[in-house]
Amino acid sequence: MTLLDLPITGDAPMCAGAATSELDLEGQLPSLRQRLLRHALFALSDTSLAEDLVQDTLMAVVEQRDQHRGVASLVTWATAILKNKIADWYRSPARRRFVQLSPDDEKLDDAIDALYDPDGAYTDPIPAWQQPDNLMEQRQMMTVLERCVSCLPRQTGRIFMMREWLGFETTEICERVGVSAENCRTIMHRARMALRGCMQRDWINTKANV
């Protein structure tokens, strides 16, 4: 299981069972909206776009409620719909972006360098946050991960989420955002190294304050 397989903070099973009734669904929509919005903001880092896609998702949930048979929880089913809509947005020709390394991306270099000793080895080869041993720690770790991803430059964060959460192949990412394969690899490397350093630091601080 990878970091991004863990539930977004606050996710817990919602009602599952027979097809979701209109009354049951209406009562769960406010909570469902908040959960989906956290997922969308995590993947997009764009409040307006996230709200639009969540609204589209909720409309689909309402319109397709008879298709929900309780095999998965309502939040899991709705999240799958949201992921498809986010993937469609990234694949839309009208949404293509030409990404260049910005000054914010360049600032990641210092953070990356700090992860290595003079011989080029990781200063902390076994992250303290790598294997949380209970659900509470998993949720705490996801809070830290959300915070760390939000600190990435916007386009860097988007490319990272396209690869790690939406499962896009590198070739498709390059096509959709207009970057070379080498540039994409550079962005992904910087994102992973920056997240590693942020997670090591913030997870240790979180555990110290528990």
N, C-alpha and C. Protein backbone atom coordinates (compact mmCIF):
# COMPACT_ATOMS: atom_id res chain seq x y z
N MET A 1 0.84 -1.20 0.00
CA MET A 1 0.00 0.00 0.00
C MET A 1 0.87 1.24 0.00
N THR A 2 0.59 2.18 -0.89
CA THR A 2 1.35 3.42 -0.96
C THR A 2 0.68 4.49 -0.13
N LEU A 3 1.37 5.63 0.01
CA LEU A 3 0.80 6.74 0.76
C LEU A 3 -0.55 7.15 0.22
N LEU A 4 -0.67 7.20 -1.11
CA LEU A 4 -1.89 7.71 -1.70
C LEU A 4 -3.01 6.69 -1.72
N ASP A 5 -2.75 5.46 -1.27
CA ASP A 5 -3.82 4.49 -1.10
C ASP A 5 -4.57 4.71 0.21
N LEU A 6 -3.98 5.47 1.11
CA LEU A 6 -4.62 5.73 2.39
C LEU A 6 -5.78 6.69 2.21
N PRO A 7 -6.79 6.63 3.10
CA PRO A 7 -7.93 7.53 2.98
C PRO A 7 -7.54 8.96 3.28
N ILE A 8 -8.15 9.91 2.55
CA ILE A 8 -7.98 11.31 2.88
C ILE A 8 -8.48 11.53 4.29
N THR A 9 -7.82 12.42 5.02
CA THR A 9 -8.15 12.65 6.42
C THR A 9 -9.64 12.83 6.62
N GLY A 10 -10.19 12.10 7.58
CA GLY A 10 -11.60 12.25 7.89
C GLY A 10 -12.48 11.24 7.17
N ASP A 11 -11.94 10.54 6.15
CA ASP A 11 -12.74 9.56 5.45
C ASP A 11 -13.04 8.39 6.36
N ALA A 12 -14.28 8.01 6.39
CA ALA A 12 -14.72 6.83 7.13
C ALA A 12 -15.90 6.27 6.37
N PRO A 13 -16.21 5.00 6.54
CA PRO A 13 -17.31 4.42 5.80
C PRO A 13 -18.61 5.16 6.04
N MET A 14 -19.31 5.49 4.94
CA MET A 14 -20.64 6.04 5.05
C MET A 14 -21.61 4.89 4.82
N CYS A 15 -22.89 5.18 4.88
CA CYS A 15 -23.89 4.13 4.83
C CYS A 15 -23.75 3.27 3.58
N ALA A 16 -23.72 1.99 3.76
CA ALA A 16 -23.70 1.05 2.64
C ALA A 16 -24.77 0.01 2.88
N GLY A 17 -25.29 -0.54 1.82
CA GLY A 17 -26.33 -1.53 1.95
C GLY A 17 -27.08 -1.63 0.65
N ALA A 18 -28.38 -1.49 0.68
CA ALA A 18 -29.18 -1.50 -0.53
C ALA A 18 -28.95 -0.21 -1.29
N ALA A 19 -29.62 -0.10 -2.44
CA ALA A 19 -29.48 1.12 -3.22
C ALA A 19 -29.80 2.32 -2.34
N THR A 20 -29.02 3.37 -2.48
CA THR A 20 -29.18 4.55 -1.64
C THR A 20 -30.49 5.25 -1.97
N SER A 21 -31.36 5.44 -0.98
CA SER A 21 -32.64 6.09 -1.21
C SER A 21 -32.44 7.59 -1.33
N GLU A 22 -33.43 8.25 -1.92
CA GLU A 22 -33.34 9.70 -2.10
C GLU A 22 -33.22 10.40 -0.76
N LEU A 23 -33.97 9.94 0.24
CA LEU A 23 -33.93 10.57 1.56
C LEU A 23 -32.57 10.36 2.21
N ASP A 24 -32.05 9.13 2.16
CA ASP A 24 -30.73 8.85 2.73
C ASP A 24 -29.66 9.69 2.06
N LEU A 25 -29.72 9.77 0.73
CA LEU A 25 -28.72 10.51 -0.02
C LEU A 25 -28.76 11.99 0.32
N GLU A 26 -29.95 12.55 0.41
CA GLU A 26 -30.08 13.97 0.74
C GLU A 26 -29.43 14.29 2.08
N GLY A 27 -29.59 13.39 3.03
CA GLY A 27 -29.01 13.62 4.35
C GLY A 27 -27.50 13.51 4.37
N GLN A 28 -26.93 12.77 3.42
CA GLN A 28 -25.48 12.56 3.40
C GLN A 28 -24.74 13.54 2.48
N LEU A 29 -25.46 14.28 1.65
CA LEU A 29 -24.80 15.15 0.68
C LEU A 29 -23.87 16.20 1.30
N PRO A 30 -24.27 16.90 2.38
CA PRO A 30 -23.35 17.92 2.93
C PRO A 30 -22.02 17.32 3.37
N SER A 31 -22.07 16.19 4.08
CA SER A 31 -20.83 15.55 4.52
C SER A 31 -20.04 15.02 3.33
N LEU A 32 -20.75 14.44 2.37
CA LEU A 32 -20.09 13.90 1.18
C LEU A 32 -19.40 15.01 0.40
N ARG A 33 -20.05 16.16 0.30
CA ARG A 33 -19.45 17.28 -0.43
C ARG A 33 -18.13 17.69 0.20
N GLN A 34 -18.08 17.78 1.52
CA GLN A 34 -16.85 18.18 2.20
C GLN A 34 -15.73 17.17 1.95
N ARG A 35 -16.07 15.90 1.99
CA ARG A 35 -15.05 14.87 1.76
C ARG A 35 -14.52 14.93 0.33
N LEU A 36 -15.44 15.07 -0.63
CA LEU A 36 -15.02 15.14 -2.03
C LEU A 36 -14.20 16.39 -2.30
N LEU A 37 -14.56 17.49 -1.66
CA LEU A 37 -13.82 18.73 -1.87
C LEU A 37 -12.38 18.59 -1.38
N ARG A 38 -12.19 17.89 -0.28
CA ARG A 38 -10.82 17.67 0.21
C ARG A 38 -10.03 16.84 -0.79
N HIS A 39 -10.66 15.83 -1.36
CA HIS A 39 -9.98 15.03 -2.39
C HIS A 39 -9.62 15.90 -3.59
N ALA A 40 -10.57 16.72 -4.04
CA ALA A 40 -10.35 17.53 -5.24
C ALA A 40 -9.26 18.57 -5.01
N LEU A 41 -9.28 19.22 -3.85
CA LEU A 41 -8.25 20.20 -3.54
C LEU A 41 -6.89 19.54 -3.44
N PHE A 42 -6.86 18.34 -2.91
CA PHE A 42 -5.62 17.57 -2.79
C PHE A 42 -5.03 17.30 -4.18
N ALA A 43 -5.90 17.01 -5.15
CA ALA A 43 -5.44 16.65 -6.49
C ALA A 43 -5.20 17.85 -7.38
N LEU A 44 -5.88 18.97 -7.14
CA LEU A 44 -5.88 20.08 -8.08
C LEU A 44 -5.24 21.36 -7.56
N SER A 45 -5.29 21.60 -6.26
CA SER A 45 -4.77 22.84 -5.67
C SER A 45 -5.38 24.07 -6.32
N ASP A 46 -6.64 23.98 -6.69
CA ASP A 46 -7.35 25.09 -7.32
C ASP A 46 -8.77 25.06 -6.79
N THR A 47 -9.09 26.00 -5.90
CA THR A 47 -10.37 25.97 -5.20
C THR A 47 -11.56 26.04 -6.14
N SER A 48 -11.53 26.97 -7.08
CA SER A 48 -12.65 27.16 -7.99
C SER A 48 -12.88 25.91 -8.84
N LEU A 49 -11.82 25.38 -9.40
CA LEU A 49 -11.94 24.18 -10.23
C LEU A 49 -12.40 22.99 -9.39
N ALA A 50 -11.84 22.85 -8.19
CA ALA A 50 -12.22 21.74 -7.31
C ALA A 50 -13.71 21.80 -6.99
N GLU A 51 -14.22 22.99 -6.68
CA GLU A 51 -15.64 23.13 -6.37
C GLU A 51 -16.52 22.78 -7.56
N ASP A 52 -16.08 23.19 -8.76
CA ASP A 52 -16.86 22.87 -9.96
C ASP A 52 -16.94 21.36 -10.19
N LEU A 53 -15.80 20.69 -10.06
CA LEU A 53 -15.79 19.25 -10.31
C LEU A 53 -16.53 18.47 -9.22
N VAL A 54 -16.47 18.96 -7.99
CA VAL A 54 -17.24 18.33 -6.91
C VAL A 54 -18.73 18.49 -7.17
N GLN A 55 -19.14 19.68 -7.62
CA GLN A 55 -20.55 19.90 -7.94
C GLN A 55 -21.01 18.97 -9.05
N ASP A 56 -20.18 18.82 -10.09
CA ASP A 56 -20.50 17.88 -11.17
C ASP A 56 -20.61 16.46 -10.64
N THR A 57 -19.72 16.11 -9.71
CA THR A 57 -19.74 14.77 -9.14
C THR A 57 -21.01 14.52 -8.34
N LEU A 58 -21.40 15.50 -7.53
CA LEU A 58 -22.61 15.35 -6.72
C LEU A 58 -23.84 15.22 -7.60
N MET A 59 -23.87 15.97 -8.71
CA MET A 59 -24.99 15.84 -9.64
C MET A 59 -25.04 14.43 -10.22
N ALA A 60 -23.86 13.89 -10.55
CA ALA A 60 -23.81 12.52 -11.08
C ALA A 60 -24.25 11.52 -10.02
N VAL A 61 -23.86 11.74 -8.78
CA VAL A 61 -24.26 10.84 -7.69
C VAL A 61 -25.77 10.83 -7.54
N VAL A 62 -26.38 12.02 -7.58
CA VAL A 62 -27.84 12.11 -7.44
C VAL A 62 -28.53 11.44 -8.62
N GLU A 63 -28.04 11.73 -9.83
CA GLU A 63 -28.68 11.20 -11.03
C GLU A 63 -28.50 9.69 -11.16
N GLN A 64 -27.40 9.17 -10.62
CA GLN A 64 -27.09 7.74 -10.78
C GLN A 64 -27.26 6.97 -9.48
N ARG A 65 -28.00 7.52 -8.52
CA ARG A 65 -28.07 6.91 -7.20
C ARG A 65 -28.60 5.47 -7.25
N ASP A 66 -29.43 5.16 -8.24
CA ASP A 66 -29.96 3.80 -8.34
C ASP A 66 -28.86 2.79 -8.69
N GLN A 67 -27.73 3.29 -9.20
CA GLN A 67 -26.63 2.40 -9.55
C GLN A 67 -25.78 2.02 -8.34
N HIS A 68 -25.95 2.76 -7.24
CA HIS A 68 -25.18 2.45 -6.03
C HIS A 68 -25.90 1.36 -5.25
N ARG A 69 -25.29 0.19 -5.21
CA ARG A 69 -25.93 -0.97 -4.58
C ARG A 69 -25.28 -1.38 -3.28
N GLY A 70 -24.41 -0.55 -2.76
CA GLY A 70 -23.82 -0.86 -1.47
C GLY A 70 -22.64 -1.79 -1.52
N VAL A 71 -22.16 -2.12 -2.74
CA VAL A 71 -20.95 -2.94 -2.84
C VAL A 71 -19.79 -2.17 -2.22
N ALA A 72 -19.75 -0.88 -2.46
CA ALA A 72 -18.77 0.01 -1.83
C ALA A 72 -19.53 1.07 -1.06
N SER A 73 -18.86 1.71 -0.11
CA SER A 73 -19.51 2.79 0.62
C SER A 73 -19.82 3.92 -0.34
N LEU A 74 -20.77 4.76 0.03
CA LEU A 74 -21.15 5.88 -0.81
C LEU A 74 -19.97 6.79 -1.10
N VAL A 75 -19.14 7.05 -0.08
CA VAL A 75 -18.01 7.95 -0.29
C VAL A 75 -16.99 7.34 -1.25
N THR A 76 -16.79 6.02 -1.18
CA THR A 76 -15.86 5.36 -2.10
C THR A 76 -16.38 5.42 -3.53
N TRP A 77 -17.66 5.18 -3.71
CA TRP A 77 -18.30 5.24 -5.03
C TRP A 77 -18.22 6.65 -5.59
N ALA A 78 -18.55 7.64 -4.76
CA ALA A 78 -18.51 9.03 -5.22
C ALA A 78 -17.09 9.48 -5.53
N THR A 79 -16.12 9.02 -4.74
CA THR A 79 -14.72 9.38 -4.98
C THR A 79 -14.25 8.83 -6.32
N ALA A 80 -14.69 7.62 -6.66
CA ALA A 80 -14.33 7.05 -7.96
C ALA A 80 -14.88 7.90 -9.10
N ILE A 81 -16.10 8.41 -8.94
CA ILE A 81 -16.68 9.30 -9.95
C ILE A 81 -15.86 10.58 -10.05
N LEU A 82 -15.49 11.14 -8.89
CA LEU A 82 -14.69 12.36 -8.87
C LEU A 82 -13.35 12.15 -9.56
N LYS A 83 -12.68 11.03 -9.27
CA LYS A 83 -11.38 10.76 -9.89
C LYS A 83 -11.51 10.72 -11.41
N ASN A 84 -12.58 10.12 -11.91
CA ASN A 84 -12.79 10.08 -13.35
C ASN A 84 -12.98 11.48 -13.93
N LYS A 85 -13.70 12.33 -13.20
CA LYS A 85 -13.92 13.69 -13.68
C LYS A 85 -12.63 14.50 -13.65
N ILE A 86 -11.81 14.30 -12.63
CA ILE A 86 -10.52 15.00 -12.58
C ILE A 86 -9.63 14.52 -13.72
N ALA A 87 -9.62 13.21 -13.95
CA ALA A 87 -8.82 12.66 -15.06
C ALA A 87 -9.31 13.21 -16.39
N ASP A 88 -10.63 13.30 -16.57
CA ASP A 88 -11.18 13.87 -17.81
C ASP A 88 -10.76 15.32 -17.97
N TRP A 89 -10.74 16.06 -16.86
CA TRP A 89 -10.31 17.47 -16.94
C TRP A 89 -8.87 17.56 -17.40
N TYR A 90 -8.01 16.74 -16.85
CA TYR A 90 -6.61 16.76 -17.25
C TYR A 90 -6.44 16.35 -18.72
N ARG A 91 -7.33 15.48 -19.20
CA ARG A 91 -7.22 14.99 -20.57
C ARG A 91 -7.87 15.93 -21.58
N SER A 92 -8.63 16.90 -21.11
CA SER A 92 -9.32 17.81 -22.03
C SER A 92 -8.31 18.68 -22.76
N PRO A 93 -8.37 18.74 -24.11
CA PRO A 93 -7.43 19.59 -24.86
C PRO A 93 -7.47 21.04 -24.41
N ALA A 94 -8.64 21.51 -23.98
CA ALA A 94 -8.76 22.91 -23.55
C ALA A 94 -8.01 23.18 -22.26
N ARG A 95 -7.61 22.12 -21.54
CA ARG A 95 -6.95 22.30 -20.25
C ARG A 95 -5.45 22.07 -20.31
N ARG A 96 -4.91 21.89 -21.50
CA ARG A 96 -3.47 21.65 -21.60
C ARG A 96 -2.69 22.85 -21.10
N ARG A 97 -1.59 22.56 -20.44
CA ARG A 97 -0.74 23.62 -19.89
C ARG A 97 0.70 23.33 -20.26
N PHE A 98 1.41 24.38 -20.68
CA PHE A 98 2.84 24.25 -20.89
C PHE A 98 3.52 24.62 -19.59
N VAL A 99 4.21 23.65 -19.02
CA VAL A 99 4.80 23.82 -17.69
C VAL A 99 6.28 24.10 -17.82
N GLN A 100 6.74 25.14 -17.14
CA GLN A 100 8.16 25.44 -17.06
C GLN A 100 8.54 25.46 -15.59
N LEU A 101 9.77 25.13 -15.30
CA LEU A 101 10.22 25.18 -13.92
C LEU A 101 10.24 26.63 -13.46
N SER A 102 9.50 26.92 -12.43
CA SER A 102 9.37 28.28 -11.92
C SER A 102 10.39 28.52 -10.82
N PRO A 103 10.52 29.78 -10.36
CA PRO A 103 11.40 30.03 -9.22
C PRO A 103 11.05 29.18 -8.01
N ASP A 104 9.75 28.90 -7.83
CA ASP A 104 9.35 28.05 -6.71
C ASP A 104 9.90 26.64 -6.88
N ASP A 105 9.90 26.14 -8.13
CA ASP A 105 10.48 24.83 -8.37
C ASP A 105 11.96 24.83 -8.06
N GLU A 106 12.65 25.90 -8.47
CA GLU A 106 14.08 25.97 -8.24
C GLU A 106 14.40 25.99 -6.75
N LYS A 107 13.51 26.56 -5.95
CA LYS A 107 13.76 26.61 -4.51
C LYS A 107 13.76 25.22 -3.88
N LEU A 108 13.17 24.24 -4.59
CA LEU A 108 13.16 22.89 -4.05
C LEU A 108 14.56 22.28 -4.03
N ASP A 109 15.47 22.81 -4.85
CA ASP A 109 16.81 22.24 -4.92
C ASP A 109 17.48 22.19 -3.56
N ASP A 110 17.38 23.30 -2.80
CA ASP A 110 18.03 23.34 -1.49
C ASP A 110 17.45 22.28 -0.56
N ALA A 111 16.11 22.12 -0.62
CA ALA A 111 15.46 21.11 0.22
C ALA A 111 15.91 19.71 -0.17
N ILE A 112 16.05 19.49 -1.48
CA ILE A 112 16.51 18.17 -1.94
C ILE A 112 17.93 17.91 -1.50
N ASP A 113 18.82 18.92 -1.67
CA ASP A 113 20.21 18.75 -1.28
C ASP A 113 20.34 18.41 0.20
N ALA A 114 19.44 18.97 1.02
CA ALA A 114 19.52 18.75 2.46
C ALA A 114 19.22 17.30 2.85
N LEU A 115 18.65 16.53 1.92
CA LEU A 115 18.31 15.15 2.22
C LEU A 115 19.51 14.21 2.11
N TYR A 116 20.62 14.71 1.56
CA TYR A 116 21.77 13.85 1.30
C TYR A 116 22.98 14.28 2.12
N ASP A 117 23.84 13.31 2.44
CA ASP A 117 25.11 13.64 3.08
C ASP A 117 26.15 13.92 1.99
N PRO A 118 27.37 14.32 2.36
CA PRO A 118 28.38 14.65 1.34
C PRO A 118 28.69 13.51 0.38
N ASP A 119 28.42 12.27 0.79
CA ASP A 119 28.68 11.12 -0.08
C ASP A 119 27.50 10.78 -0.99
N GLY A 120 26.42 11.57 -0.88
CA GLY A 120 25.27 11.33 -1.74
C GLY A 120 24.26 10.35 -1.19
N ALA A 121 24.40 9.92 0.05
CA ALA A 121 23.46 8.98 0.66
C ALA A 121 22.39 9.74 1.43
N TYR A 122 21.20 9.13 1.55
CA TYR A 122 20.15 9.75 2.34
C TYR A 122 20.62 9.93 3.78
N THR A 123 20.32 11.09 4.35
CA THR A 123 20.69 11.32 5.74
C THR A 123 19.81 10.51 6.68
N ASP A 124 18.60 10.16 6.24
CA ASP A 124 17.69 9.32 7.03
C ASP A 124 17.10 8.26 6.11
N PRO A 125 17.78 7.13 5.94
CA PRO A 125 17.35 6.15 4.96
C PRO A 125 16.05 5.44 5.29
N ILE A 126 15.61 5.45 6.54
CA ILE A 126 14.35 4.79 6.91
C ILE A 126 13.42 5.84 7.50
N PRO A 127 12.49 6.40 6.70
CA PRO A 127 11.59 7.44 7.19
C PRO A 127 10.78 6.97 8.39
N ALA A 128 10.63 7.83 9.37
CA ALA A 128 9.86 7.48 10.57
C ALA A 128 8.39 7.29 10.26
N TRP A 129 7.93 7.91 9.13
CA TRP A 129 6.51 7.87 8.82
C TRP A 129 6.15 6.72 7.87
N GLN A 130 7.11 5.87 7.52
CA GLN A 130 6.90 4.94 6.42
C GLN A 130 5.81 3.91 6.69
N GLN A 131 5.70 3.42 7.93
CA GLN A 131 4.74 2.36 8.21
C GLN A 131 3.92 2.66 9.46
N PRO A 132 2.96 3.56 9.36
CA PRO A 132 2.09 3.82 10.51
C PRO A 132 1.35 2.54 10.89
N ASP A 133 1.23 2.28 12.20
CA ASP A 133 0.76 0.97 12.62
C ASP A 133 -0.69 0.93 13.08
N ASN A 134 -1.44 2.01 12.92
CA ASN A 134 -2.85 1.95 13.24
C ASN A 134 -3.60 3.03 12.45
N LEU A 135 -4.94 2.94 12.47
CA LEU A 135 -5.75 3.83 11.66
C LEU A 135 -5.56 5.29 12.05
N MET A 136 -5.44 5.57 13.36
CA MET A 136 -5.24 6.94 13.80
C MET A 136 -3.95 7.51 13.23
N GLU A 137 -2.88 6.73 13.27
CA GLU A 137 -1.62 7.20 12.72
C GLU A 137 -1.71 7.36 11.20
N GLN A 138 -2.45 6.49 10.53
CA GLN A 138 -2.62 6.63 9.08
C GLN A 138 -3.29 7.96 8.76
N ARG A 139 -4.32 8.31 9.53
CA ARG A 139 -5.02 9.57 9.27
C ARG A 139 -4.14 10.76 9.60
N GLN A 140 -3.36 10.65 10.68
CA GLN A 140 -2.42 11.73 11.00
C GLN A 140 -1.40 11.89 9.89
N MET A 141 -0.93 10.76 9.35
CA MET A 141 0.05 10.83 8.28
C MET A 141 -0.55 11.46 7.03
N MET A 142 -1.83 11.16 6.73
CA MET A 142 -2.46 11.77 5.57
C MET A 142 -2.61 13.27 5.74
N THR A 143 -2.85 13.72 6.99
CA THR A 143 -2.91 15.16 7.25
C THR A 143 -1.58 15.80 6.91
N VAL A 144 -0.49 15.15 7.32
CA VAL A 144 0.85 15.66 7.02
C VAL A 144 1.09 15.64 5.51
N LEU A 145 0.71 14.55 4.84
CA LEU A 145 0.92 14.45 3.40
C LEU A 145 0.15 15.53 2.65
N GLU A 146 -1.11 15.76 3.03
CA GLU A 146 -1.90 16.82 2.40
C GLU A 146 -1.19 18.16 2.53
N ARG A 147 -0.69 18.43 3.72
CA ARG A 147 -0.01 19.70 3.97
C ARG A 147 1.25 19.81 3.12
N CYS A 148 1.99 18.73 3.03
CA CYS A 148 3.24 18.75 2.26
C CYS A 148 2.97 18.92 0.77
N VAL A 149 1.95 18.23 0.25
CA VAL A 149 1.61 18.37 -1.17
C VAL A 149 1.17 19.80 -1.46
N SER A 150 0.43 20.41 -0.53
CA SER A 150 -0.04 21.78 -0.75
C SER A 150 1.11 22.78 -0.78
N CYS A 151 2.27 22.41 -0.25
CA CYS A 151 3.43 23.30 -0.25
C CYS A 151 4.22 23.22 -1.56
N LEU A 152 3.93 22.22 -2.39
CA LEU A 152 4.60 22.14 -3.68
C LEU A 152 4.12 23.25 -4.60
N PRO A 153 4.97 23.74 -5.51
CA PRO A 153 4.48 24.66 -6.54
C PRO A 153 3.29 24.01 -7.25
N ARG A 154 2.32 24.83 -7.68
CA ARG A 154 1.04 24.30 -8.17
C ARG A 154 1.22 23.27 -9.29
N GLN A 155 1.98 23.62 -10.32
CA GLN A 155 2.11 22.70 -11.44
C GLN A 155 2.88 21.44 -11.05
N THR A 156 3.85 21.60 -10.17
CA THR A 156 4.57 20.42 -9.67
C THR A 156 3.61 19.49 -8.94
N GLY A 157 2.76 20.07 -8.09
CA GLY A 157 1.78 19.27 -7.37
C GLY A 157 0.80 18.58 -8.29
N ARG A 158 0.39 19.28 -9.35
CA ARG A 158 -0.57 18.67 -10.28
C ARG A 158 0.05 17.49 -11.02
N ILE A 159 1.28 17.67 -11.48
CA ILE A 159 1.94 16.58 -12.20
C ILE A 159 2.14 15.38 -11.27
N PHE A 160 2.51 15.65 -10.03
CA PHE A 160 2.67 14.58 -9.04
C PHE A 160 1.36 13.83 -8.84
N MET A 161 0.25 14.57 -8.69
CA MET A 161 -1.04 13.92 -8.45
C MET A 161 -1.53 13.18 -9.69
N MET A 162 -1.25 13.71 -10.89
CA MET A 162 -1.62 12.99 -12.11
C MET A 162 -0.97 11.62 -12.14
N ARG A 163 0.29 11.57 -11.71
CA ARG A 163 1.03 10.30 -11.76
C ARG A 163 0.65 9.38 -10.61
N GLU A 164 0.62 9.92 -9.39
CA GLU A 164 0.51 9.07 -8.20
C GLU A 164 -0.93 8.79 -7.77
N TRP A 165 -1.85 9.72 -8.01
CA TRP A 165 -3.24 9.51 -7.57
C TRP A 165 -4.13 9.08 -8.72
N LEU A 166 -3.99 9.75 -9.87
CA LEU A 166 -4.84 9.43 -11.01
C LEU A 166 -4.27 8.29 -11.85
N GLY A 167 -2.99 7.99 -11.68
CA GLY A 167 -2.40 6.85 -12.37
C GLY A 167 -2.06 7.08 -13.82
N PHE A 168 -1.89 8.35 -14.23
CA PHE A 168 -1.51 8.63 -15.62
C PHE A 168 -0.11 8.09 -15.89
N GLU A 169 0.10 7.57 -17.10
CA GLU A 169 1.44 7.19 -17.52
C GLU A 169 2.24 8.45 -17.82
N THR A 170 3.56 8.34 -17.69
CA THR A 170 4.43 9.50 -17.92
C THR A 170 4.23 10.07 -19.31
N THR A 171 4.09 9.20 -20.31
CA THR A 171 3.92 9.69 -21.68
C THR A 171 2.65 10.51 -21.82
N GLU A 172 1.58 10.12 -21.13
CA GLU A 172 0.34 10.88 -21.22
C GLU A 172 0.46 12.20 -20.48
N ILE A 173 1.14 12.20 -19.34
CA ILE A 173 1.36 13.46 -18.63
C ILE A 173 2.10 14.44 -19.53
N CYS A 174 3.14 13.96 -20.19
CA CYS A 174 3.92 14.83 -21.08
C CYS A 174 3.04 15.41 -22.18
N GLU A 175 2.17 14.57 -22.74
CA GLU A 175 1.29 15.03 -23.81
C GLU A 175 0.28 16.05 -23.30
N ARG A 176 -0.28 15.80 -22.12
CA ARG A 176 -1.35 16.66 -21.62
C ARG A 176 -0.84 18.02 -21.15
N VAL A 177 0.33 18.06 -20.55
CA VAL A 177 0.80 19.34 -19.99
C VAL A 177 1.89 19.98 -20.84
N GLY A 178 2.34 19.28 -21.88
CA GLY A 178 3.28 19.89 -22.81
C GLY A 178 4.70 19.97 -22.31
N VAL A 179 5.16 18.95 -21.60
CA VAL A 179 6.54 18.92 -21.13
C VAL A 179 7.25 17.72 -21.76
N SER A 180 8.57 17.79 -21.80
CA SER A 180 9.34 16.66 -22.29
C SER A 180 9.40 15.58 -21.22
N ALA A 181 9.75 14.37 -21.64
CA ALA A 181 9.88 13.27 -20.68
C ALA A 181 10.95 13.58 -19.65
N GLU A 182 12.04 14.19 -20.09
CA GLU A 182 13.12 14.54 -19.16
C GLU A 182 12.64 15.57 -18.14
N ASN A 183 11.90 16.57 -18.61
CA ASN A 183 11.38 17.59 -17.70
C ASN A 183 10.40 16.98 -16.71
N CYS A 184 9.55 16.07 -17.19
CA CYS A 184 8.59 15.41 -16.31
C CYS A 184 9.30 14.61 -15.24
N ARG A 185 10.34 13.89 -15.63
CA ARG A 185 11.10 13.11 -14.65
C ARG A 185 11.75 14.02 -13.61
N THR A 186 12.24 15.18 -14.08
CA THR A 186 12.85 16.14 -13.16
C THR A 186 11.83 16.65 -12.15
N ILE A 187 10.65 17.01 -12.66
CA ILE A 187 9.59 17.52 -11.79
C ILE A 187 9.16 16.45 -10.79
N MET A 188 8.98 15.21 -11.25
CA MET A 188 8.57 14.14 -10.35
C MET A 188 9.65 13.85 -9.30
N HIS A 189 10.91 13.87 -9.71
CA HIS A 189 11.99 13.63 -8.76
C HIS A 189 12.00 14.71 -7.69
N ARG A 190 11.89 15.96 -8.12
CA ARG A 190 11.90 17.06 -7.16
C ARG A 190 10.70 16.98 -6.23
N ALA A 191 9.54 16.64 -6.78
CA ALA A 191 8.35 16.53 -5.95
C ALA A 191 8.53 15.43 -4.90
N ARG A 192 9.01 14.27 -5.31
CA ARG A 192 9.17 13.16 -4.37
C ARG A 192 10.20 13.48 -3.29
N MET A 193 11.30 14.11 -3.69
CA MET A 193 12.33 14.43 -2.72
C MET A 193 11.85 15.52 -1.75
N ALA A 194 11.13 16.51 -2.28
CA ALA A 194 10.60 17.55 -1.41
C ALA A 194 9.58 16.97 -0.43
N LEU A 195 8.72 16.08 -0.92
CA LEU A 195 7.73 15.45 -0.06
C LEU A 195 8.40 14.56 0.98
N ARG A 196 9.44 13.87 0.58
CA ARG A 196 10.15 13.02 1.53
C ARG A 196 10.70 13.85 2.68
N GLY A 197 11.37 14.95 2.35
CA GLY A 197 11.92 15.80 3.40
C GLY A 197 10.85 16.41 4.28
N CYS A 198 9.76 16.87 3.64
CA CYS A 198 8.65 17.48 4.39
C CYS A 198 7.99 16.45 5.30
N MET A 199 7.77 15.24 4.78
CA MET A 199 7.13 14.20 5.58
C MET A 199 8.00 13.79 6.75
N GLN A 200 9.29 13.64 6.52
CA GLN A 200 10.19 13.28 7.61
C GLN A 200 10.12 14.32 8.72
N ARG A 201 10.19 15.57 8.35
CA ARG A 201 10.22 16.65 9.33
C ARG A 201 8.87 16.79 10.05
N ASP A 202 7.78 16.89 9.26
CA ASP A 202 6.48 17.17 9.85
C ASP A 202 5.90 15.97 10.58
N TRP A 203 6.17 14.75 10.08
CA TRP A 203 5.65 13.57 10.78
C TRP A 203 6.31 13.41 12.14
N ILE A 204 7.60 13.65 12.20
CA ILE A 204 8.30 13.58 13.49
C ILE A 204 7.73 14.61 14.45
N ASN A 205 7.48 15.82 13.95
CA ASN A 205 6.91 16.88 14.79
C ASN A 205 5.51 16.51 15.26
N THR A 206 4.72 15.90 14.36
CA THR A 206 3.37 15.48 14.73
C THR A 206 3.40 14.43 15.83
N LYS A 207 4.28 13.45 15.69
CA LYS A 207 4.39 12.40 16.70
C LYS A 207 4.87 12.96 18.03
N ALA A 208 5.75 13.96 17.97
CA ALA A 208 6.28 14.54 19.20
C ALA A 208 5.21 15.30 19.98
N ASN A 209 4.19 15.79 19.25
CA ASN A 209 3.15 16.59 19.90
C ASN A 209 1.95 15.77 20.34
N VAL A 210 1.96 14.48 20.02
CA VAL A 210 0.82 13.63 20.40
C VAL A 210 0.86 13.35 21.90
